[in-house]
Amino acid sequence: MFELIKSMTFALVMVPVVTAGILCLIYGFGELFNMISRIGHSEK
């Protein structure tokens, strides 16, 4: 029973952590592509 509670707690803790990580990755890629597109536009 304790193992089940422990694994459930671990899952509940990991869900927001993983969600935040994915959001940070998406935001980071967005910033990266914005920088690349700015460099491309400034050359023209």
PDB file of N, CA and C in Angstrom:
ATOM      1  N   MET A   1       0.837  -1.210   0.000  1.00  0.00           N
ATOM      2  CA  MET A   1       0.000   0.000   0.000  1.00  0.00           C
ATOM      3  C   MET A   1       0.873   1.263   0.000  1.00  0.00           C
ATOM      4  N   PHE A   2       1.935   1.241   0.831  1.00  0.00           N
ATOM      5  CA  PHE A   2       2.837   2.396   0.913  1.00  0.00           C
ATOM      6  C   PHE A   2       3.540   2.643  -0.418  1.00  0.00           C
ATOM      7  N   GLU A   3       3.909   1.556  -1.097  1.00  0.00           N
ATOM      8  CA  GLU A   3       4.569   1.683  -2.415  1.00  0.00           C
ATOM      9  C   GLU A   3       3.654   2.388  -3.413  1.00  0.00           C
ATOM     10  N   LEU A   4       2.368   2.040  -3.380  1.00  0.00           N
ATOM     11  CA  LEU A   4       1.382   2.657  -4.279  1.00  0.00           C
ATOM     12  C   LEU A   4       1.275   4.158  -4.009  1.00  0.00           C
ATOM     13  N   ILE A   5       1.181   4.519  -2.726  1.00  0.00           N
ATOM     14  CA  ILE A   5       1.093   5.934  -2.335  1.00  0.00           C
ATOM     15  C   ILE A   5       2.359   6.674  -2.763  1.00  0.00           C
ATOM     16  N   LYS A   6       3.516   6.021  -2.569  1.00  0.00           N
ATOM     17  CA  LYS A   6       4.792   6.636  -2.934  1.00  0.00           C
ATOM     18  C   LYS A   6       4.877   6.882  -4.436  1.00  0.00           C
ATOM     19  N   SER A   7       4.467   5.900  -5.229  1.00  0.00           N
ATOM     20  CA  SER A   7       4.517   6.049  -6.688  1.00  0.00           C
ATOM     21  C   SER A   7       3.503   7.092  -7.174  1.00  0.00           C
ATOM     22  N   MET A   8       2.337   7.151  -6.535  1.00  0.00           N
ATOM     23  CA  MET A   8       1.332   8.155  -6.890  1.00  0.00           C
ATOM     24  C   MET A   8       1.846   9.563  -6.580  1.00  0.00           C
ATOM     25  N   THR A   9       2.491   9.721  -5.429  1.00  0.00           N
ATOM     26  CA  THR A   9       3.065  11.014  -5.044  1.00  0.00           C
ATOM     27  C   THR A   9       4.141  11.421  -6.033  1.00  0.00           C
ATOM     28  N   PHE A  10       4.994  10.467  -6.408  1.00  0.00           N
ATOM     29  CA  PHE A  10       6.057  10.726  -7.383  1.00  0.00           C
ATOM     30  C   PHE A  10       5.468  11.178  -8.713  1.00  0.00           C
ATOM     31  N   ALA A  11       4.405  10.502  -9.158  1.00  0.00           N
ATOM     32  CA  ALA A  11       3.743  10.856 -10.421  1.00  0.00           C
ATOM     33  C   ALA A  11       3.139  12.262 -10.330  1.00  0.00           C
ATOM     34  N   LEU A  12       2.476  12.570  -9.221  1.00  0.00           N
ATOM     35  CA  LEU A  12       1.856  13.891  -9.042  1.00  0.00           C
ATOM     36  C   LEU A  12       2.898  15.001  -9.000  1.00  0.00           C
ATOM     37  N   VAL A  13       4.075  14.715  -8.436  1.00  0.00           N
ATOM     38  CA  VAL A  13       5.154  15.704  -8.385  1.00  0.00           C
ATOM     39  C   VAL A  13       5.774  15.885  -9.769  1.00  0.00           C
ATOM     40  N   MET A  14       5.921  14.791 -10.513  1.00  0.00           N
ATOM     41  CA  MET A  14       6.596  14.847 -11.813  1.00  0.00           C
ATOM     42  C   MET A  14       5.756  15.530 -12.890  1.00  0.00           C
ATOM     43  N   VAL A  15       4.423  15.442 -12.809  1.00  0.00           N
ATOM     44  CA  VAL A  15       3.559  16.022 -13.854  1.00  0.00           C
ATOM     45  C   VAL A  15       3.804  17.523 -14.045  1.00  0.00           C
ATOM     46  N   PRO A  16       3.741  18.362 -12.995  1.00  0.00           N
ATOM     47  CA  PRO A  16       4.020  19.796 -13.209  1.00  0.00           C
ATOM     48  C   PRO A  16       5.457  20.073 -13.612  1.00  0.00           C
ATOM     49  N   VAL A  17       6.407  19.266 -13.121  1.00  0.00           N
ATOM     50  CA  VAL A  17       7.821  19.447 -13.468  1.00  0.00           C
ATOM     51  C   VAL A  17       8.024  19.207 -14.960  1.00  0.00           C
ATOM     52  N   VAL A  18       7.462  18.106 -15.466  1.00  0.00           N
ATOM     53  CA  VAL A  18       7.584  17.778 -16.893  1.00  0.00           C
ATOM     54  C   VAL A  18       6.859  18.827 -17.740  1.00  0.00           C
ATOM     55  N   THR A  19       5.671  19.233 -17.294  1.00  0.00           N
ATOM     56  CA  THR A  19       4.905  20.259 -18.017  1.00  0.00           C
ATOM     57  C   THR A  19       5.703  21.557 -18.107  1.00  0.00           C
ATOM     58  N   ALA A  20       6.291  21.986 -16.989  1.00  0.00           N
ATOM     59  CA  ALA A  20       7.100  23.209 -16.967  1.00  0.00           C
ATOM     60  C   ALA A  20       8.315  23.061 -17.878  1.00  0.00           C
ATOM     61  N   GLY A  21       8.934  21.883 -17.871  1.00  0.00           N
ATOM     62  CA  GLY A  21      10.089  21.634 -18.737  1.00  0.00           C
ATOM     63  C   GLY A  21       9.733  21.744 -20.204  1.00  0.00           C
ATOM     64  N   ILE A  22       8.598  21.167 -20.592  1.00  0.00           N
ATOM     65  CA  ILE A  22       8.151  21.224 -21.994  1.00  0.00           C
ATOM     66  C   ILE A  22       7.842  22.674 -22.383  1.00  0.00           C
ATOM     67  N   LEU A  23       7.171  23.413 -21.501  1.00  0.00           N
ATOM     68  CA  LEU A  23       6.860  24.822 -21.780  1.00  0.00           C
ATOM     69  C   LEU A  23       8.138  25.641 -21.942  1.00  0.00           C
ATOM     70  N   CYS A  24       9.140  25.384 -21.088  1.00  0.00           N
ATOM     71  CA  CYS A  24      10.425  26.090 -21.194  1.00  0.00           C
ATOM     72  C   CYS A  24      11.114  25.761 -22.507  1.00  0.00           C
ATOM     73  N   LEU A  25      11.051  24.492 -22.929  1.00  0.00           N
ATOM     74  CA  LEU A  25      11.653  24.094 -24.208  1.00  0.00           C
ATOM     75  C   LEU A  25      10.981  24.816 -25.374  1.00  0.00           C
ATOM     76  N   ILE A  26       9.645  24.855 -25.361  1.00  0.00           N
ATOM     77  CA  ILE A  26       8.896  25.523 -26.439  1.00  0.00           C
ATOM     78  C   ILE A  26       9.247  27.013 -26.465  1.00  0.00           C
ATOM     79  N   TYR A  27       9.281  27.651 -25.288  1.00  0.00           N
ATOM     80  CA  TYR A  27       9.621  29.069 -25.198  1.00  0.00           C
ATOM     81  C   TYR A  27      11.049  29.305 -25.688  1.00  0.00           C
ATOM     82  N   GLY A  28      11.965  28.431 -25.272  1.00  0.00           N
ATOM     83  CA  GLY A  28      13.365  28.546 -25.692  1.00  0.00           C
ATOM     84  C   GLY A  28      13.522  28.423 -27.197  1.00  0.00           C
ATOM     85  N   PHE A  29      12.839  27.447 -27.799  1.00  0.00           N
ATOM     86  CA  PHE A  29      12.897  27.283 -29.262  1.00  0.00           C
ATOM     87  C   PHE A  29      12.292  28.494 -29.964  1.00  0.00           C
ATOM     88  N   GLY A  30      11.213  29.052 -29.420  1.00  0.00           N
ATOM     89  CA  GLY A  30      10.591  30.244 -29.992  1.00  0.00           C
ATOM     90  C   GLY A  30      11.552  31.421 -29.996  1.00  0.00           C
ATOM     91  N   GLU A  31      12.238  31.636 -28.872  1.00  0.00           N
ATOM     92  CA  GLU A  31      13.223  32.721 -28.780  1.00  0.00           C
ATOM     93  C   GLU A  31      14.367  32.497 -29.762  1.00  0.00           C
ATOM     94  N   LEU A  32      14.810  31.251 -29.862  1.00  0.00           N
ATOM     95  CA  LEU A  32      15.916  30.903 -30.765  1.00  0.00           C
ATOM     96  C   LEU A  32      15.543  31.216 -32.209  1.00  0.00           C
ATOM     97  N   PHE A  33      14.346  30.789 -32.632  1.00  0.00           N
ATOM     98  CA  PHE A  33      13.910  31.033 -34.007  1.00  0.00           C
ATOM     99  C   PHE A  33      13.679  32.523 -34.260  1.00  0.00           C
ATOM    100  N   ASN A  34      13.225  33.264 -33.232  1.00  0.00           N
ATOM    101  CA  ASN A  34      13.078  34.718 -33.369  1.00  0.00           C
ATOM    102  C   ASN A  34      14.429  35.370 -33.629  1.00  0.00           C
ATOM    103  N   MET A  35      15.452  34.946 -32.892  1.00  0.00           N
ATOM    104  CA  MET A  35      16.802  35.485 -33.084  1.00  0.00           C
ATOM    105  C   MET A  35      17.309  35.169 -34.488  1.00  0.00           C
ATOM    106  N   ILE A  36      17.109  33.926 -34.930  1.00  0.00           N
ATOM    107  CA  ILE A  36      17.560  33.511 -36.267  1.00  0.00           C
ATOM    108  C   ILE A  36      16.847  34.326 -37.343  1.00  0.00           C
ATOM    109  N   SER A  37      15.535  34.508 -37.198  1.00  0.00           N
ATOM    110  CA  SER A  37      14.773  35.254 -38.210  1.00  0.00           C
ATOM    111  C   SER A  37      15.181  36.731 -38.216  1.00  0.00           C
ATOM    112  N   ARG A  38      15.503  37.283 -37.037  1.00  0.00           N
ATOM    113  CA  ARG A  38      15.968  38.675 -36.970  1.00  0.00           C
ATOM    114  C   ARG A  38      17.291  38.831 -37.708  1.00  0.00           C
ATOM    115  N   ILE A  39      18.203  37.876 -37.508  1.00  0.00           N
ATOM    116  CA  ILE A  39      19.504  37.909 -38.187  1.00  0.00           C
ATOM    117  C   ILE A  39      19.289  37.819 -39.703  1.00  0.00           C
ATOM    118  N   GLY A  40      18.397  36.928 -40.124  1.00  0.00           N
ATOM    119  CA  GLY A  40      18.107  36.764 -41.550  1.00  0.00           C
ATOM    120  C   GLY A  40      17.515  38.017 -42.164  1.00  0.00           C
ATOM    121  N   HIS A  41      16.635  38.714 -41.421  1.00  0.00           N
ATOM    122  CA  HIS A  41      15.995  39.917 -41.963  1.00  0.00           C
ATOM    123  C   HIS A  41      16.961  41.100 -42.005  1.00  0.00           C
ATOM    124  N   SER A  42      17.874  41.177 -41.032  1.00  0.00           N
ATOM    125  CA  SER A  42      18.795  42.319 -40.981  1.00  0.00           C
ATOM    126  C   SER A  42      19.803  42.288 -42.134  1.00  0.00           C
ATOM    127  N   GLU A  43      20.098  41.097 -42.657  1.00  0.00           N
ATOM    128  CA  GLU A  43      21.055  40.977 -43.765  1.00  0.00           C
ATOM    129  C   GLU A  43      20.480  41.507 -45.078  1.00  0.00           C
ATOM    130  N   LYS A  44      19.149  41.447 -45.234  1.00  0.00           N
ATOM    131  CA  LYS A  44      18.533  41.854 -46.521  1.00  0.00           C
ATOM    132  C   LYS A  44      18.554  43.363 -46.735  1.00  0.00           C
TER     133      LYS A  44
END
